[in-house]
Amino acid sequence: MKMGNQSIVSEFLLLGLPIEPDQRALFYTLFLVMYLTTVLGNLLIILLIHLDSHLHTPMYFFLSNLSFSDLCFSSVTMPELLQNMQSQVPYIPYAGCLTQMYFFLFFGDLESFLLVAMAYDRYVAVCFPLHYSTIMSPKLCFSLVSLSWVLTTFHALLQTLLMARLCFCADNVIPHFFCDISALLKLSCSDTRVNELVIFTIGGLIIVTPFLLIIMSYARILSSILKVPSSGGIRKAFSTCGSHLSVVSLFYGTVIAVYLCPSANNSTVKETVMSMMYTVVTPMLNPFIYSLRNRDMKGALGRVFCKKMFLC
């Protein structure tokens, strides 16, 4: 079928995960549980922040947006993966593949920028507590989130349009569980140098710069806390910052390894596993790391539950 971009490929075959047939049911159940955990955890956070006025603060404003981003980011790939694990012919249309790639880039980039906003919020709260309400004004919070949406829209649209101009000839087999940009570039029979240049420049800035800003923010936070002679505060700070940085490192580390530092020694299986880390594991862990285990969220859950029980 002749496409508008002179492509003769009308659909792609997603090979999915390299799972043995006798283990398919086990992994299907595992991924289904992980996806449901991601959906329910992030929906719970969004609902609690919306219903409880005590959580109408900058930190939880960013967190509600992060939960929405995580929910959508996971939903871009996981339903397709689960469906294909049950399908004998896991094809995806050409237009559907580009659409999936667009939303994958959009919500992946959005999560990256929101993690920076949250790190900056914590930096101001710890290092400038007396000026926190002045600095983190509603206008600034809204501007940071709006800027994140604008930048992610631009980048995702740019990458998708660049991909749409390429030709895909005979080979339409994607050795992945979703329409990954690097996997699609390998299939193209066109010159992909412009695409690769954009990935390493603009893509690198969108990935590396937020990661460095987050590291700098938490470094300043730890430096400020260490100046206060309180062993309990230091332990709490290391516990909180350590858990946050572990998830951040997992997300950015795997993304950088797959897209910015590709190695000839990286097998398809290895890249697929690394992709699972930032598309499935990180969105599932974020609700537990950032909110569901802290006092404010537990209090909000109790207040909302008691209010509903009282009304009933």
C-alpha atoms as a PDB file:
ATOM      1  CA  MET A   1       0.000   0.000   0.000  1.00  0.00           C
ATOM      2  CA  LYS A   2       1.531   3.306  -1.082  1.00  0.00           C
ATOM      3  CA  MET A   3       1.721   5.852   1.733  1.00  0.00           C
ATOM      4  CA  GLY A   4       1.819   9.627   1.435  1.00  0.00           C
ATOM      5  CA  ASN A   5       5.509   9.590   2.371  1.00  0.00           C
ATOM      6  CA  GLN A   6       6.260   7.110  -0.437  1.00  0.00           C
ATOM      7  CA  SER A   7       6.301   4.195   1.958  1.00  0.00           C
ATOM      8  CA  ILE A   8       5.159   0.784   0.835  1.00  0.00           C
ATOM      9  CA  VAL A   9       4.613  -0.350   4.419  1.00  0.00           C
ATOM     10  CA  SER A  10       1.041  -0.062   5.696  1.00  0.00           C
ATOM     11  CA  GLU A  11       1.572  -1.821   9.040  1.00  0.00           C
ATOM     12  CA  PHE A  12       4.281  -3.053  11.374  1.00  0.00           C
ATOM     13  CA  LEU A  13       4.688  -6.353  13.161  1.00  0.00           C
ATOM     14  CA  LEU A  14       5.556  -5.936  16.855  1.00  0.00           C
ATOM     15  CA  LEU A  15       7.581  -8.942  17.996  1.00  0.00           C
ATOM     16  CA  GLY A  16       6.987  -8.011  21.636  1.00  0.00           C
ATOM     17  CA  LEU A  17       8.982  -9.490  24.480  1.00  0.00           C
ATOM     18  CA  PRO A  18      11.241 -12.547  24.057  1.00  0.00           C
ATOM     19  CA  ILE A  19       9.110 -14.812  26.257  1.00  0.00           C
ATOM     20  CA  GLU A  20       8.827 -18.586  25.942  1.00  0.00           C
ATOM     21  CA  PRO A  21       5.297 -19.800  25.072  1.00  0.00           C
ATOM     22  CA  ASP A  22       4.960 -21.766  28.323  1.00  0.00           C
ATOM     23  CA  GLN A  23       5.801 -18.611  30.340  1.00  0.00           C
ATOM     24  CA  ARG A  24       3.501 -16.267  28.431  1.00  0.00           C
ATOM     25  CA  ALA A  25       0.547 -16.633  30.816  1.00  0.00           C
ATOM     26  CA  LEU A  26       2.760 -15.916  33.835  1.00  0.00           C
ATOM     27  CA  PHE A  27       4.246 -12.753  32.322  1.00  0.00           C
ATOM     28  CA  TYR A  28       0.853 -11.623  31.053  1.00  0.00           C
ATOM     29  CA  THR A  29      -0.501 -11.800  34.612  1.00  0.00           C
ATOM     30  CA  LEU A  30       2.582 -10.017  35.968  1.00  0.00           C
ATOM     31  CA  PHE A  31       2.330  -7.148  33.475  1.00  0.00           C
ATOM     32  CA  LEU A  32      -1.411  -6.868  33.977  1.00  0.00           C
ATOM     33  CA  VAL A  33      -0.935  -6.548  37.747  1.00  0.00           C
ATOM     34  CA  MET A  34       1.821  -3.954  37.254  1.00  0.00           C
ATOM     35  CA  TYR A  35      -0.336  -1.929  34.880  1.00  0.00           C
ATOM     36  CA  LEU A  36      -3.380  -2.034  37.169  1.00  0.00           C
ATOM     37  CA  THR A  37      -1.154  -0.997  40.091  1.00  0.00           C
ATOM     38  CA  THR A  38       0.110   1.945  38.047  1.00  0.00           C
ATOM     39  CA  VAL A  39      -3.393   3.016  37.027  1.00  0.00           C
ATOM     40  CA  LEU A  40      -4.979   2.661  40.468  1.00  0.00           C
ATOM     41  CA  GLY A  41      -2.040   4.207  42.328  1.00  0.00           C
ATOM     42  CA  ASN A  42      -1.869   7.286  40.132  1.00  0.00           C
ATOM     43  CA  LEU A  43      -5.650   7.694  39.979  1.00  0.00           C
ATOM     44  CA  LEU A  44      -5.777   7.547  43.771  1.00  0.00           C
ATOM     45  CA  ILE A  45      -3.185  10.319  44.034  1.00  0.00           C
ATOM     46  CA  ILE A  46      -5.038  12.538  41.556  1.00  0.00           C
ATOM     47  CA  LEU A  47      -8.331  11.941  43.357  1.00  0.00           C
ATOM     48  CA  LEU A  48      -6.927  12.643  46.836  1.00  0.00           C
ATOM     49  CA  ILE A  49      -5.213  15.850  45.726  1.00  0.00           C
ATOM     50  CA  HIS A  50      -8.415  17.026  44.069  1.00  0.00           C
ATOM     51  CA  LEU A  51     -10.671  16.216  47.038  1.00  0.00           C
ATOM     52  CA  ASP A  52      -8.488  17.270  49.991  1.00  0.00           C
ATOM     53  CA  SER A  53      -7.867  21.009  50.364  1.00  0.00           C
ATOM     54  CA  HIS A  54      -4.835  20.341  52.589  1.00  0.00           C
ATOM     55  CA  LEU A  55      -3.036  19.062  49.494  1.00  0.00           C
ATOM     56  CA  HIS A  56      -3.641  22.163  47.396  1.00  0.00           C
ATOM     57  CA  THR A  57       0.035  23.147  47.568  1.00  0.00           C
ATOM     58  CA  PRO A  58       2.714  23.549  44.870  1.00  0.00           C
ATOM     59  CA  MET A  59       4.314  20.179  45.628  1.00  0.00           C
ATOM     60  CA  TYR A  60       1.049  18.280  45.228  1.00  0.00           C
ATOM     61  CA  PHE A  61       0.067  20.358  42.208  1.00  0.00           C
ATOM     62  CA  PHE A  62       3.215  19.076  40.477  1.00  0.00           C
ATOM     63  CA  LEU A  63       2.599  15.594  41.847  1.00  0.00           C
ATOM     64  CA  SER A  64      -0.932  15.435  40.432  1.00  0.00           C
ATOM     65  CA  ASN A  65       0.456  16.360  37.012  1.00  0.00           C
ATOM     66  CA  LEU A  66       3.201  13.742  37.382  1.00  0.00           C
ATOM     67  CA  SER A  67       0.616  11.100  38.263  1.00  0.00           C
ATOM     68  CA  PHE A  68      -1.435  12.036  35.208  1.00  0.00           C
ATOM     69  CA  SER A  69       1.706  11.843  33.068  1.00  0.00           C
ATOM     70  CA  ASP A  70       2.663   8.441  34.528  1.00  0.00           C
ATOM     71  CA  LEU A  71      -0.840   7.119  33.969  1.00  0.00           C
ATOM     72  CA  CYS A  72      -0.845   8.187  30.323  1.00  0.00           C
ATOM     73  CA  PHE A  73       2.795   7.213  29.709  1.00  0.00           C
ATOM     74  CA  SER A  74       2.144   3.654  30.859  1.00  0.00           C
ATOM     75  CA  SER A  75      -1.162   3.513  28.958  1.00  0.00           C
ATOM     76  CA  VAL A  76       0.567   4.353  25.675  1.00  0.00           C
ATOM     77  CA  THR A  77       2.397   1.000  25.608  1.00  0.00           C
ATOM     78  CA  MET A  78       0.977  -1.415  28.186  1.00  0.00           C
ATOM     79  CA  PRO A  79      -2.529  -2.055  26.732  1.00  0.00           C
ATOM     80  CA  GLU A  80      -0.951  -2.706  23.333  1.00  0.00           C
ATOM     81  CA  LEU A  81       1.590  -5.060  24.905  1.00  0.00           C
ATOM     82  CA  LEU A  82      -1.089  -6.984  26.811  1.00  0.00           C
ATOM     83  CA  GLN A  83      -3.264  -7.232  23.716  1.00  0.00           C
ATOM     84  CA  ASN A  84      -0.390  -8.440  21.546  1.00  0.00           C
ATOM     85  CA  MET A  85       0.557 -11.095  24.099  1.00  0.00           C
ATOM     86  CA  GLN A  86      -2.880 -12.606  23.507  1.00  0.00           C
ATOM     87  CA  SER A  87      -2.838 -12.085  19.751  1.00  0.00           C
ATOM     88  CA  GLN A  88      -1.491 -14.444  17.132  1.00  0.00           C
ATOM     89  CA  VAL A  89      -0.873 -11.553  14.714  1.00  0.00           C
ATOM     90  CA  PRO A  90       0.407  -8.519  16.689  1.00  0.00           C
ATOM     91  CA  TYR A  91       0.266  -5.935  13.886  1.00  0.00           C
ATOM     92  CA  ILE A  92      -0.072  -2.190  14.323  1.00  0.00           C
ATOM     93  CA  PRO A  93      -1.092   0.160  11.457  1.00  0.00           C
ATOM     94  CA  TYR A  94       1.430   2.676  10.118  1.00  0.00           C
ATOM     95  CA  ALA A  95      -0.623   5.641  11.371  1.00  0.00           C
ATOM     96  CA  GLY A  96      -1.187   3.924  14.711  1.00  0.00           C
ATOM     97  CA  CYS A  97       2.551   3.370  15.070  1.00  0.00           C
ATOM     98  CA  LEU A  98       3.355   7.044  14.521  1.00  0.00           C
ATOM     99  CA  THR A  99       0.552   8.040  16.893  1.00  0.00           C
ATOM    100  CA  GLN A 100       1.929   5.747  19.586  1.00  0.00           C
ATOM    101  CA  MET A 101       5.420   7.163  19.048  1.00  0.00           C
ATOM    102  CA  TYR A 102       4.109  10.740  19.392  1.00  0.00           C
ATOM    103  CA  PHE A 103       2.318  10.127  22.688  1.00  0.00           C
ATOM    104  CA  PHE A 104       5.194   8.025  24.001  1.00  0.00           C
ATOM    105  CA  LEU A 105       7.608  10.921  23.422  1.00  0.00           C
ATOM    106  CA  PHE A 106       5.092  13.473  24.686  1.00  0.00           C
ATOM    107  CA  PHE A 107       4.376  11.866  28.051  1.00  0.00           C
ATOM    108  CA  GLY A 108       7.962  10.673  28.486  1.00  0.00           C
ATOM    109  CA  ASP A 109       9.256  14.223  28.013  1.00  0.00           C
ATOM    110  CA  LEU A 110       6.484  15.620  30.208  1.00  0.00           C
ATOM    111  CA  GLU A 111       7.504  13.325  33.063  1.00  0.00           C
ATOM    112  CA  SER A 112      11.088  14.494  32.684  1.00  0.00           C
ATOM    113  CA  PHE A 113      10.168  18.173  32.993  1.00  0.00           C
ATOM    114  CA  LEU A 114       7.759  17.572  35.880  1.00  0.00           C
ATOM    115  CA  LEU A 115      10.472  15.748  37.825  1.00  0.00           C
ATOM    116  CA  VAL A 116      12.602  18.892  37.446  1.00  0.00           C
ATOM    117  CA  ALA A 117       9.772  21.106  38.703  1.00  0.00           C
ATOM    118  CA  MET A 118       9.281  18.851  41.730  1.00  0.00           C
ATOM    119  CA  ALA A 119      13.002  18.854  42.495  1.00  0.00           C
ATOM    120  CA  TYR A 120      13.062  22.662  42.292  1.00  0.00           C
ATOM    121  CA  ASP A 121      10.035  22.853  44.583  1.00  0.00           C
ATOM    122  CA  ARG A 122      11.799  20.723  47.206  1.00  0.00           C
ATOM    123  CA  TYR A 123      14.982  22.779  46.786  1.00  0.00           C
ATOM    124  CA  VAL A 124      13.121  26.028  47.529  1.00  0.00           C
ATOM    125  CA  ALA A 125      11.230  24.432  50.444  1.00  0.00           C
ATOM    126  CA  VAL A 126      14.424  23.226  52.135  1.00  0.00           C
ATOM    127  CA  CYS A 127      16.905  25.956  51.251  1.00  0.00           C
ATOM    128  CA  PHE A 128      14.570  28.992  51.347  1.00  0.00           C
ATOM    129  CA  PRO A 129      11.732  28.007  53.711  1.00  0.00           C
ATOM    130  CA  LEU A 130      10.882  31.585  54.721  1.00  0.00           C
ATOM    131  CA  HIS A 131      10.456  32.659  51.099  1.00  0.00           C
ATOM    132  CA  TYR A 132       8.807  29.455  49.865  1.00  0.00           C
ATOM    133  CA  SER A 133       5.263  30.805  49.508  1.00  0.00           C
ATOM    134  CA  THR A 134       6.557  33.910  47.724  1.00  0.00           C
ATOM    135  CA  ILE A 135       8.817  32.072  45.292  1.00  0.00           C
ATOM    136  CA  MET A 136       6.499  29.144  44.575  1.00  0.00           C
ATOM    137  CA  SER A 137       3.519  31.290  43.729  1.00  0.00           C
ATOM    138  CA  PRO A 138       0.512  29.833  41.881  1.00  0.00           C
ATOM    139  CA  LYS A 139       1.553  31.831  38.826  1.00  0.00           C
ATOM    140  CA  LEU A 140       5.034  30.288  38.777  1.00  0.00           C
ATOM    141  CA  CYS A 141       3.688  26.764  39.318  1.00  0.00           C
ATOM    142  CA  PHE A 142       1.190  27.134  36.493  1.00  0.00           C
ATOM    143  CA  SER A 143       3.867  28.637  34.244  1.00  0.00           C
ATOM    144  CA  LEU A 144       6.284  25.749  34.895  1.00  0.00           C
ATOM    145  CA  VAL A 145       3.636  23.146  34.072  1.00  0.00           C
ATOM    146  CA  SER A 146       2.434  25.067  31.003  1.00  0.00           C
ATOM    147  CA  LEU A 147       6.009  25.420  29.739  1.00  0.00           C
ATOM    148  CA  SER A 148       6.506  21.681  30.214  1.00  0.00           C
ATOM    149  CA  TRP A 149       3.441  20.923  28.081  1.00  0.00           C
ATOM    150  CA  VAL A 150       4.528  23.352  25.336  1.00  0.00           C
ATOM    151  CA  LEU A 151       8.097  22.006  25.133  1.00  0.00           C
ATOM    152  CA  THR A 152       6.989  18.382  25.104  1.00  0.00           C
ATOM    153  CA  THR A 153       4.424  19.079  22.389  1.00  0.00           C
ATOM    154  CA  PHE A 154       7.080  20.721  20.235  1.00  0.00           C
ATOM    155  CA  HIS A 155       9.620  17.914  20.662  1.00  0.00           C
ATOM    156  CA  ALA A 156       7.163  15.048  20.175  1.00  0.00           C
ATOM    157  CA  LEU A 157       5.659  16.707  17.088  1.00  0.00           C
ATOM    158  CA  LEU A 158       9.101  17.424  15.611  1.00  0.00           C
ATOM    159  CA  GLN A 159      10.275  13.824  16.033  1.00  0.00           C
ATOM    160  CA  THR A 160       7.008  12.437  14.637  1.00  0.00           C
ATOM    161  CA  LEU A 161       7.072  14.678  11.556  1.00  0.00           C
ATOM    162  CA  LEU A 162      10.700  13.766  10.891  1.00  0.00           C
ATOM    163  CA  MET A 163       9.784  10.097  11.164  1.00  0.00           C
ATOM    164  CA  ALA A 164       6.776  10.517   8.847  1.00  0.00           C
ATOM    165  CA  ARG A 165       9.007  11.758   6.012  1.00  0.00           C
ATOM    166  CA  LEU A 166      11.017   8.508   5.970  1.00  0.00           C
ATOM    167  CA  CYS A 167      10.363   5.569   3.673  1.00  0.00           C
ATOM    168  CA  PHE A 168       9.881   2.024   4.968  1.00  0.00           C
ATOM    169  CA  CYS A 169      10.431  -0.565   2.294  1.00  0.00           C
ATOM    170  CA  ALA A 170      10.361  -4.336   2.693  1.00  0.00           C
ATOM    171  CA  ASP A 171      11.162  -4.962   6.359  1.00  0.00           C
ATOM    172  CA  ASN A 172       8.272  -4.115   8.706  1.00  0.00           C
ATOM    173  CA  VAL A 173       9.221  -6.237  11.736  1.00  0.00           C
ATOM    174  CA  ILE A 174       9.873  -4.213  14.913  1.00  0.00           C
ATOM    175  CA  PRO A 175      11.821  -6.267  17.497  1.00  0.00           C
ATOM    176  CA  HIS A 176      10.157  -4.406  20.352  1.00  0.00           C
ATOM    177  CA  PHE A 177       6.875  -4.249  22.267  1.00  0.00           C
ATOM    178  CA  PHE A 178       6.010  -0.742  21.025  1.00  0.00           C
ATOM    179  CA  CYS A 179       6.878   1.613  18.160  1.00  0.00           C
ATOM    180  CA  ASP A 180      10.204   2.774  19.512  1.00  0.00           C
ATOM    181  CA  ILE A 181      11.870   5.609  17.612  1.00  0.00           C
ATOM    182  CA  SER A 182      15.274   3.906  17.458  1.00  0.00           C
ATOM    183  CA  ALA A 183      13.739   0.638  16.226  1.00  0.00           C
ATOM    184  CA  LEU A 184      11.847   2.491  13.481  1.00  0.00           C
ATOM    185  CA  LEU A 185      14.993   4.287  12.331  1.00  0.00           C
ATOM    186  CA  LYS A 186      16.731   0.945  11.891  1.00  0.00           C
ATOM    187  CA  LEU A 187      13.899  -0.228   9.603  1.00  0.00           C
ATOM    188  CA  SER A 188      13.892   2.840   7.374  1.00  0.00           C
ATOM    189  CA  CYS A 189      15.420   2.647   3.912  1.00  0.00           C
ATOM    190  CA  SER A 190      15.810   6.457   3.804  1.00  0.00           C
ATOM    191  CA  ASP A 191      18.644   8.663   4.988  1.00  0.00           C
ATOM    192  CA  THR A 192      18.134   8.981   8.757  1.00  0.00           C
ATOM    193  CA  ARG A 193      21.032  11.319   9.550  1.00  0.00           C
ATOM    194  CA  VAL A 194      18.740  14.300  10.215  1.00  0.00           C
ATOM    195  CA  ASN A 195      16.626  12.211  12.604  1.00  0.00           C
ATOM    196  CA  GLU A 196      19.706  10.972  14.440  1.00  0.00           C
ATOM    197  CA  LEU A 197      21.105  14.498  14.692  1.00  0.00           C
ATOM    198  CA  VAL A 198      17.856  15.794  16.208  1.00  0.00           C
ATOM    199  CA  ILE A 199      17.769  12.904  18.694  1.00  0.00           C
ATOM    200  CA  PHE A 200      21.308  13.610  19.896  1.00  0.00           C
ATOM    201  CA  THR A 201      20.900  17.402  20.056  1.00  0.00           C
ATOM    202  CA  ILE A 202      17.342  18.343  21.018  1.00  0.00           C
ATOM    203  CA  GLY A 203      16.614  14.935  22.528  1.00  0.00           C
ATOM    204  CA  GLY A 204      19.853  15.083  24.471  1.00  0.00           C
ATOM    205  CA  LEU A 205      19.019  18.521  25.858  1.00  0.00           C
ATOM    206  CA  ILE A 206      15.533  17.384  26.915  1.00  0.00           C
ATOM    207  CA  ILE A 207      16.917  14.309  28.693  1.00  0.00           C
ATOM    208  CA  VAL A 208      20.342  15.304  30.032  1.00  0.00           C
ATOM    209  CA  THR A 209      19.582  18.879  31.129  1.00  0.00           C
ATOM    210  CA  PRO A 210      16.624  17.942  33.388  1.00  0.00           C
ATOM    211  CA  PHE A 211      18.650  15.072  34.865  1.00  0.00           C
ATOM    212  CA  LEU A 212      21.546  17.384  35.743  1.00  0.00           C
ATOM    213  CA  LEU A 213      19.172  19.991  37.211  1.00  0.00           C
ATOM    214  CA  ILE A 214      17.552  17.337  39.414  1.00  0.00           C
ATOM    215  CA  ILE A 215      20.946  16.102  40.638  1.00  0.00           C
ATOM    216  CA  MET A 216      22.021  19.682  41.400  1.00  0.00           C
ATOM    217  CA  SER A 217      18.781  20.381  43.294  1.00  0.00           C
ATOM    218  CA  TYR A 218      19.100  17.327  45.508  1.00  0.00           C
ATOM    219  CA  ALA A 219      22.808  18.009  46.055  1.00  0.00           C
ATOM    220  CA  ARG A 220      21.936  21.476  47.367  1.00  0.00           C
ATOM    221  CA  ILE A 221      19.159  19.994  49.509  1.00  0.00           C
ATOM    222  CA  LEU A 222      21.512  17.466  51.098  1.00  0.00           C
ATOM    223  CA  SER A 223      24.160  20.139  51.586  1.00  0.00           C
ATOM    224  CA  SER A 224      21.673  22.385  53.417  1.00  0.00           C
ATOM    225  CA  ILE A 225      20.388  19.571  55.633  1.00  0.00           C
ATOM    226  CA  LEU A 226      23.875  18.382  56.573  1.00  0.00           C
ATOM    227  CA  LYS A 227      24.581  21.845  58.003  1.00  0.00           C
ATOM    228  CA  VAL A 228      21.846  21.277  60.609  1.00  0.00           C
ATOM    229  CA  PRO A 229      23.113  19.096  63.513  1.00  0.00           C
ATOM    230  CA  SER A 230      20.180  16.693  63.666  1.00  0.00           C
ATOM    231  CA  SER A 231      20.799  12.984  63.191  1.00  0.00           C
ATOM    232  CA  GLY A 232      17.077  12.293  62.787  1.00  0.00           C
ATOM    233  CA  GLY A 233      16.731  14.976  60.120  1.00  0.00           C
ATOM    234  CA  ILE A 234      19.796  13.704  58.291  1.00  0.00           C
ATOM    235  CA  ARG A 235      18.489  10.127  58.284  1.00  0.00           C
ATOM    236  CA  LYS A 236      15.094  11.287  57.017  1.00  0.00           C
ATOM    237  CA  ALA A 237      16.720  13.424  54.325  1.00  0.00           C
ATOM    238  CA  PHE A 238      18.922  10.583  53.094  1.00  0.00           C
ATOM    239  CA  SER A 239      15.956   8.215  53.134  1.00  0.00           C
ATOM    240  CA  THR A 240      13.725  10.593  51.157  1.00  0.00           C
ATOM    241  CA  CYS A 241      16.341  11.933  48.738  1.00  0.00           C
ATOM    242  CA  GLY A 242      17.824   8.475  48.274  1.00  0.00           C
ATOM    243  CA  SER A 243      14.499   6.939  47.239  1.00  0.00           C
ATOM    244  CA  HIS A 244      13.702   9.861  44.943  1.00  0.00           C
ATOM    245  CA  LEU A 245      17.125   9.756  43.291  1.00  0.00           C
ATOM    246  CA  SER A 246      16.965   5.979  42.844  1.00  0.00           C
ATOM    247  CA  VAL A 247      13.770   6.289  40.765  1.00  0.00           C
ATOM    248  CA  VAL A 248      15.133   9.318  38.889  1.00  0.00           C
ATOM    249  CA  SER A 249      18.367   7.443  38.119  1.00  0.00           C
ATOM    250  CA  LEU A 250      16.424   4.392  36.957  1.00  0.00           C
ATOM    251  CA  PHE A 251      14.313   6.525  34.607  1.00  0.00           C
ATOM    252  CA  TYR A 252      17.071   8.707  33.166  1.00  0.00           C
ATOM    253  CA  GLY A 253      19.783   6.044  33.256  1.00  0.00           C
ATOM    254  CA  THR A 254      17.861   3.617  31.075  1.00  0.00           C
ATOM    255  CA  VAL A 255      16.601   6.357  28.721  1.00  0.00           C
ATOM    256  CA  ILE A 256      20.133   7.723  28.220  1.00  0.00           C
ATOM    257  CA  ALA A 257      21.535   4.213  27.704  1.00  0.00           C
ATOM    258  CA  VAL A 258      18.936   3.356  25.054  1.00  0.00           C
ATOM    259  CA  TYR A 259      18.736   6.623  23.074  1.00  0.00           C
ATOM    260  CA  LEU A 260      21.857   8.700  23.677  1.00  0.00           C
ATOM    261  CA  CYS A 261      24.527   6.047  24.322  1.00  0.00           C
ATOM    262  CA  PRO A 262      23.543   3.127  22.107  1.00  0.00           C
ATOM    263  CA  SER A 263      26.151   0.379  22.046  1.00  0.00           C
ATOM    264  CA  ALA A 264      26.806  -2.179  19.364  1.00  0.00           C
ATOM    265  CA  ASN A 265      27.045  -4.713  22.175  1.00  0.00           C
ATOM    266  CA  ASN A 266      23.494  -3.971  23.302  1.00  0.00           C
ATOM    267  CA  SER A 267      21.277  -6.822  22.196  1.00  0.00           C
ATOM    268  CA  THR A 268      17.621  -6.357  21.320  1.00  0.00           C
ATOM    269  CA  VAL A 269      16.683  -8.217  24.511  1.00  0.00           C
ATOM    270  CA  LYS A 270      18.841  -5.893  26.629  1.00  0.00           C
ATOM    271  CA  GLU A 271      17.324  -2.767  25.082  1.00  0.00           C
ATOM    272  CA  THR A 272      13.820  -4.180  25.544  1.00  0.00           C
ATOM    273  CA  VAL A 273      14.481  -4.875  29.217  1.00  0.00           C
ATOM    274  CA  MET A 274      15.842  -1.349  29.721  1.00  0.00           C
ATOM    275  CA  SER A 275      12.763   0.051  28.000  1.00  0.00           C
ATOM    276  CA  MET A 276      10.579  -1.881  30.426  1.00  0.00           C
ATOM    277  CA  MET A 277      12.327  -0.075  33.283  1.00  0.00           C
ATOM    278  CA  TYR A 278      11.252   3.419  32.247  1.00  0.00           C
ATOM    279  CA  THR A 279       7.929   2.572  30.591  1.00  0.00           C
ATOM    280  CA  VAL A 280       6.523   0.130  33.157  1.00  0.00           C
ATOM    281  CA  VAL A 281       8.520   0.040  36.394  1.00  0.00           C
ATOM    282  CA  THR A 282       9.081   3.778  36.974  1.00  0.00           C
ATOM    283  CA  PRO A 283       5.422   4.842  36.507  1.00  0.00           C
ATOM    284  CA  MET A 284       4.428   2.074  38.916  1.00  0.00           C
ATOM    285  CA  LEU A 285       6.998   3.074  41.567  1.00  0.00           C
ATOM    286  CA  ASN A 286       6.429   6.846  41.486  1.00  0.00           C
ATOM    287  CA  PRO A 287       3.133   6.795  43.454  1.00  0.00           C
ATOM    288  CA  PHE A 288       4.784   4.837  46.267  1.00  0.00           C
ATOM    289  CA  ILE A 289       8.044   6.792  46.286  1.00  0.00           C
ATOM    290  CA  TYR A 290       6.635  10.303  46.037  1.00  0.00           C
ATOM    291  CA  SER A 291       3.365  10.193  47.894  1.00  0.00           C
ATOM    292  CA  LEU A 292       1.528   7.140  49.167  1.00  0.00           C
ATOM    293  CA  ARG A 293       4.032   6.541  51.939  1.00  0.00           C
ATOM    294  CA  ASN A 294       4.148  10.115  53.276  1.00  0.00           C
ATOM    295  CA  ARG A 295       2.139  11.554  56.122  1.00  0.00           C
ATOM    296  CA  ASP A 296       0.157  14.110  54.126  1.00  0.00           C
ATOM    297  CA  MET A 297      -1.213  11.564  51.674  1.00  0.00           C
ATOM    298  CA  LYS A 298      -2.068   9.091  54.429  1.00  0.00           C
ATOM    299  CA  GLY A 299      -3.875  11.864  56.307  1.00  0.00           C
ATOM    300  CA  ALA A 300      -5.749  12.890  53.177  1.00  0.00           C
ATOM    301  CA  LEU A 301      -6.753   9.288  52.545  1.00  0.00           C
ATOM    302  CA  GLY A 302      -8.106   9.032  56.090  1.00  0.00           C
ATOM    303  CA  ARG A 303      -9.997  12.322  55.857  1.00  0.00           C
ATOM    304  CA  VAL A 304     -11.565  11.490  52.497  1.00  0.00           C
ATOM    305  CA  PHE A 305     -12.498   7.993  53.646  1.00  0.00           C
ATOM    306  CA  CYS A 306     -14.034   9.274  56.907  1.00  0.00           C
ATOM    307  CA  LYS A 307     -15.948  11.975  55.066  1.00  0.00           C
ATOM    308  CA  LYS A 308     -17.412   9.444  52.645  1.00  0.00           C
ATOM    309  CA  MET A 309     -18.310   7.115  55.493  1.00  0.00           C
ATOM    310  CA  PHE A 310     -19.964   9.974  57.390  1.00  0.00           C
ATOM    311  CA  LEU A 311     -21.984  11.023  54.356  1.00  0.00           C
ATOM    312  CA  CYS A 312     -23.074   7.449  53.811  1.00  0.00           C
END
